[in-house]
Amino acid sequence: MNYANHYGYSDVHPYEIIRRVSGKTIEIREMDATRIDSSDLGFAPGGFVGHCSRQDEQRYAYTANAAAPIIRMRLRKGSQWHSIYGRHIISDAPHKFHDFNF
């Protein structure tokens, strides 16, 4: 497990694990995510500005960002990892998702 994806409400941002400090502390760094799908995600009038009916079809390319700051996240009671930005989920792959309907 090399990634710690940050879940902020409905959006998800990829972070890579840089170093395991201890069993309860890990250092992470945000990754760059570039959208690579060229398909129309089905925007239509409605909601605040519009409605995206196929937002689950988003695809991204991920690259490490050595210029991003390294932050620490810690394991809390209840087995959840948290950084200063909120909750992270440890994963085998990076994941990015933008909720166009929020």
C-alpha atoms as a PDB file:
ATOM      1  CA  MET A   1       0.000   0.000   0.000  1.00  0.00           C
ATOM      2  CA  ASN A   2       1.785   3.077  -1.303  1.00  0.00           C
ATOM      3  CA  TYR A   3      -0.932   5.716  -1.474  1.00  0.00           C
ATOM      4  CA  ALA A   4      -3.112   7.662   0.957  1.00  0.00           C
ATOM      5  CA  ASN A   5      -6.086   9.140  -0.900  1.00  0.00           C
ATOM      6  CA  HIS A   6      -7.661  12.146   0.830  1.00  0.00           C
ATOM      7  CA  TYR A   7     -11.463  12.088   0.992  1.00  0.00           C
ATOM      8  CA  GLY A   8     -12.851  15.593   1.397  1.00  0.00           C
ATOM      9  CA  TYR A   9     -16.630  15.374   1.270  1.00  0.00           C
ATOM     10  CA  SER A  10     -17.274  14.105  -2.280  1.00  0.00           C
ATOM     11  CA  ASP A  11     -13.898  14.933  -3.889  1.00  0.00           C
ATOM     12  CA  VAL A  12     -10.847  12.653  -3.672  1.00  0.00           C
ATOM     13  CA  HIS A  13      -7.193  13.760  -3.978  1.00  0.00           C
ATOM     14  CA  PRO A  14      -4.184  11.420  -4.404  1.00  0.00           C
ATOM     15  CA  TYR A  15      -1.240  11.425  -1.988  1.00  0.00           C
ATOM     16  CA  GLU A  16       1.831   9.187  -2.091  1.00  0.00           C
ATOM     17  CA  ILE A  17       3.360   7.692   1.034  1.00  0.00           C
ATOM     18  CA  ILE A  18       6.916   8.991   1.398  1.00  0.00           C
ATOM     19  CA  ARG A  19       7.994   7.400   4.681  1.00  0.00           C
ATOM     20  CA  ARG A  20       6.577   5.326   7.501  1.00  0.00           C
ATOM     21  CA  VAL A  21       7.763   7.052  10.673  1.00  0.00           C
ATOM     22  CA  SER A  22       6.113   4.611  13.088  1.00  0.00           C
ATOM     23  CA  GLY A  23       3.121   2.314  13.289  1.00  0.00           C
ATOM     24  CA  LYS A  24       0.874   5.331  13.826  1.00  0.00           C
ATOM     25  CA  THR A  25       2.608   8.077  11.804  1.00  0.00           C
ATOM     26  CA  ILE A  26       3.236   8.318   8.061  1.00  0.00           C
ATOM     27  CA  GLU A  27       4.659  11.124   5.915  1.00  0.00           C
ATOM     28  CA  ILE A  28       2.763  11.823   2.686  1.00  0.00           C
ATOM     29  CA  ARG A  29       2.950  14.212  -0.277  1.00  0.00           C
ATOM     30  CA  GLU A  30       0.203  15.265  -2.697  1.00  0.00           C
ATOM     31  CA  MET A  31       0.474  13.985  -6.274  1.00  0.00           C
ATOM     32  CA  ASP A  32      -0.358  15.751  -9.542  1.00  0.00           C
ATOM     33  CA  ALA A  33      -3.403  14.370 -11.356  1.00  0.00           C
ATOM     34  CA  THR A  34      -4.051  15.298 -14.988  1.00  0.00           C
ATOM     35  CA  ARG A  35      -7.389  14.404 -16.535  1.00  0.00           C
ATOM     36  CA  ILE A  36      -6.815  12.239 -19.612  1.00  0.00           C
ATOM     37  CA  ASP A  37     -10.324  11.304 -20.722  1.00  0.00           C
ATOM     38  CA  SER A  38     -11.583  13.316 -23.654  1.00  0.00           C
ATOM     39  CA  SER A  39     -15.153  12.116 -23.534  1.00  0.00           C
ATOM     40  CA  ASP A  40     -18.071  14.362 -22.725  1.00  0.00           C
ATOM     41  CA  LEU A  41     -19.169  13.714 -19.170  1.00  0.00           C
ATOM     42  CA  GLY A  42     -22.773  14.521 -19.975  1.00  0.00           C
ATOM     43  CA  PHE A  43     -23.225  18.104 -18.807  1.00  0.00           C
ATOM     44  CA  ALA A  44     -26.811  19.348 -19.030  1.00  0.00           C
ATOM     45  CA  PRO A  45     -28.691  22.375 -17.638  1.00  0.00           C
ATOM     46  CA  GLY A  46     -29.916  21.938 -14.074  1.00  0.00           C
ATOM     47  CA  GLY A  47     -28.743  22.186 -10.464  1.00  0.00           C
ATOM     48  CA  PHE A  48     -26.633  25.234  -9.553  1.00  0.00           C
ATOM     49  CA  VAL A  49     -24.904  25.605 -12.901  1.00  0.00           C
ATOM     50  CA  GLY A  50     -25.453  22.257 -14.613  1.00  0.00           C
ATOM     51  CA  HIS A  51     -25.653  18.534 -14.036  1.00  0.00           C
ATOM     52  CA  CYS A  52     -22.955  16.004 -14.934  1.00  0.00           C
ATOM     53  CA  SER A  53     -24.577  12.629 -15.594  1.00  0.00           C
ATOM     54  CA  ARG A  54     -21.411  10.586 -16.316  1.00  0.00           C
ATOM     55  CA  GLN A  55     -18.876  11.957 -13.850  1.00  0.00           C
ATOM     56  CA  ASP A  56     -17.885   8.407 -12.831  1.00  0.00           C
ATOM     57  CA  GLU A  57     -16.106   8.122 -16.204  1.00  0.00           C
ATOM     58  CA  GLN A  58     -13.309  10.534 -15.222  1.00  0.00           C
ATOM     59  CA  ARG A  59      -9.795   9.182 -15.890  1.00  0.00           C
ATOM     60  CA  TYR A  60      -6.527  10.668 -14.625  1.00  0.00           C
ATOM     61  CA  ALA A  61      -2.763  10.237 -15.084  1.00  0.00           C
ATOM     62  CA  TYR A  62      -0.803  10.522 -11.834  1.00  0.00           C
ATOM     63  CA  THR A  63       2.727  11.846 -11.314  1.00  0.00           C
ATOM     64  CA  ALA A  64       4.783  12.467  -8.205  1.00  0.00           C
ATOM     65  CA  ASN A  65       5.253  16.123  -7.252  1.00  0.00           C
ATOM     66  CA  ALA A  66       8.594  16.624  -5.520  1.00  0.00           C
ATOM     67  CA  ALA A  67       7.765  20.314  -4.959  1.00  0.00           C
ATOM     68  CA  ALA A  68       4.662  19.527  -2.866  1.00  0.00           C
ATOM     69  CA  PRO A  69       5.137  19.812   0.898  1.00  0.00           C
ATOM     70  CA  ILE A  70       5.521  16.663   2.959  1.00  0.00           C
ATOM     71  CA  ILE A  71       2.911  16.381   5.703  1.00  0.00           C
ATOM     72  CA  ARG A  72       2.316  13.851   8.448  1.00  0.00           C
ATOM     73  CA  MET A  73      -0.796  11.825   8.994  1.00  0.00           C
ATOM     74  CA  ARG A  74      -1.578   9.833  12.084  1.00  0.00           C
ATOM     75  CA  LEU A  75      -3.690   6.806  12.907  1.00  0.00           C
ATOM     76  CA  ARG A  76      -6.583   7.730  15.176  1.00  0.00           C
ATOM     77  CA  LYS A  77      -8.752   5.564  17.362  1.00  0.00           C
ATOM     78  CA  GLY A  78     -11.195   3.719  15.146  1.00  0.00           C
ATOM     79  CA  SER A  79      -8.465   2.862  12.602  1.00  0.00           C
ATOM     80  CA  GLN A  80      -8.772   6.035  10.508  1.00  0.00           C
ATOM     81  CA  TRP A  81      -5.808   7.978   9.137  1.00  0.00           C
ATOM     82  CA  HIS A  82      -5.967  11.790   9.385  1.00  0.00           C
ATOM     83  CA  SER A  83      -3.729  14.657   8.308  1.00  0.00           C
ATOM     84  CA  ILE A  84      -4.232  18.391   8.701  1.00  0.00           C
ATOM     85  CA  TYR A  85      -6.494  18.136   5.619  1.00  0.00           C
ATOM     86  CA  GLY A  86      -8.787  15.435   6.986  1.00  0.00           C
ATOM     87  CA  ARG A  87      -9.405  11.719   6.439  1.00  0.00           C
ATOM     88  CA  HIS A  88      -7.192   9.566   4.197  1.00  0.00           C
ATOM     89  CA  ILE A  89      -7.665   5.979   3.061  1.00  0.00           C
ATOM     90  CA  ILE A  90      -4.586   3.828   2.420  1.00  0.00           C
ATOM     91  CA  SER A  91      -4.660   2.203  -1.036  1.00  0.00           C
ATOM     92  CA  ASP A  92      -2.621   0.290  -3.613  1.00  0.00           C
ATOM     93  CA  ALA A  93      -3.407   2.898  -6.291  1.00  0.00           C
ATOM     94  CA  PRO A  94      -3.797   6.684  -6.384  1.00  0.00           C
ATOM     95  CA  HIS A  95      -7.313   7.991  -6.939  1.00  0.00           C
ATOM     96  CA  LYS A  96      -8.670  11.382  -8.033  1.00  0.00           C
ATOM     97  CA  PHE A  97     -12.332  12.311  -8.316  1.00  0.00           C
ATOM     98  CA  HIS A  98     -13.965  15.694  -8.796  1.00  0.00           C
ATOM     99  CA  ASP A  99     -17.670  15.979  -8.062  1.00  0.00           C
ATOM    100  CA  PHE A 100     -19.024  18.271 -10.768  1.00  0.00           C
ATOM    101  CA  ASN A 101     -22.505  18.128  -9.202  1.00  0.00           C
ATOM    102  CA  PHE A 102     -21.587  19.682  -5.881  1.00  0.00           C
END
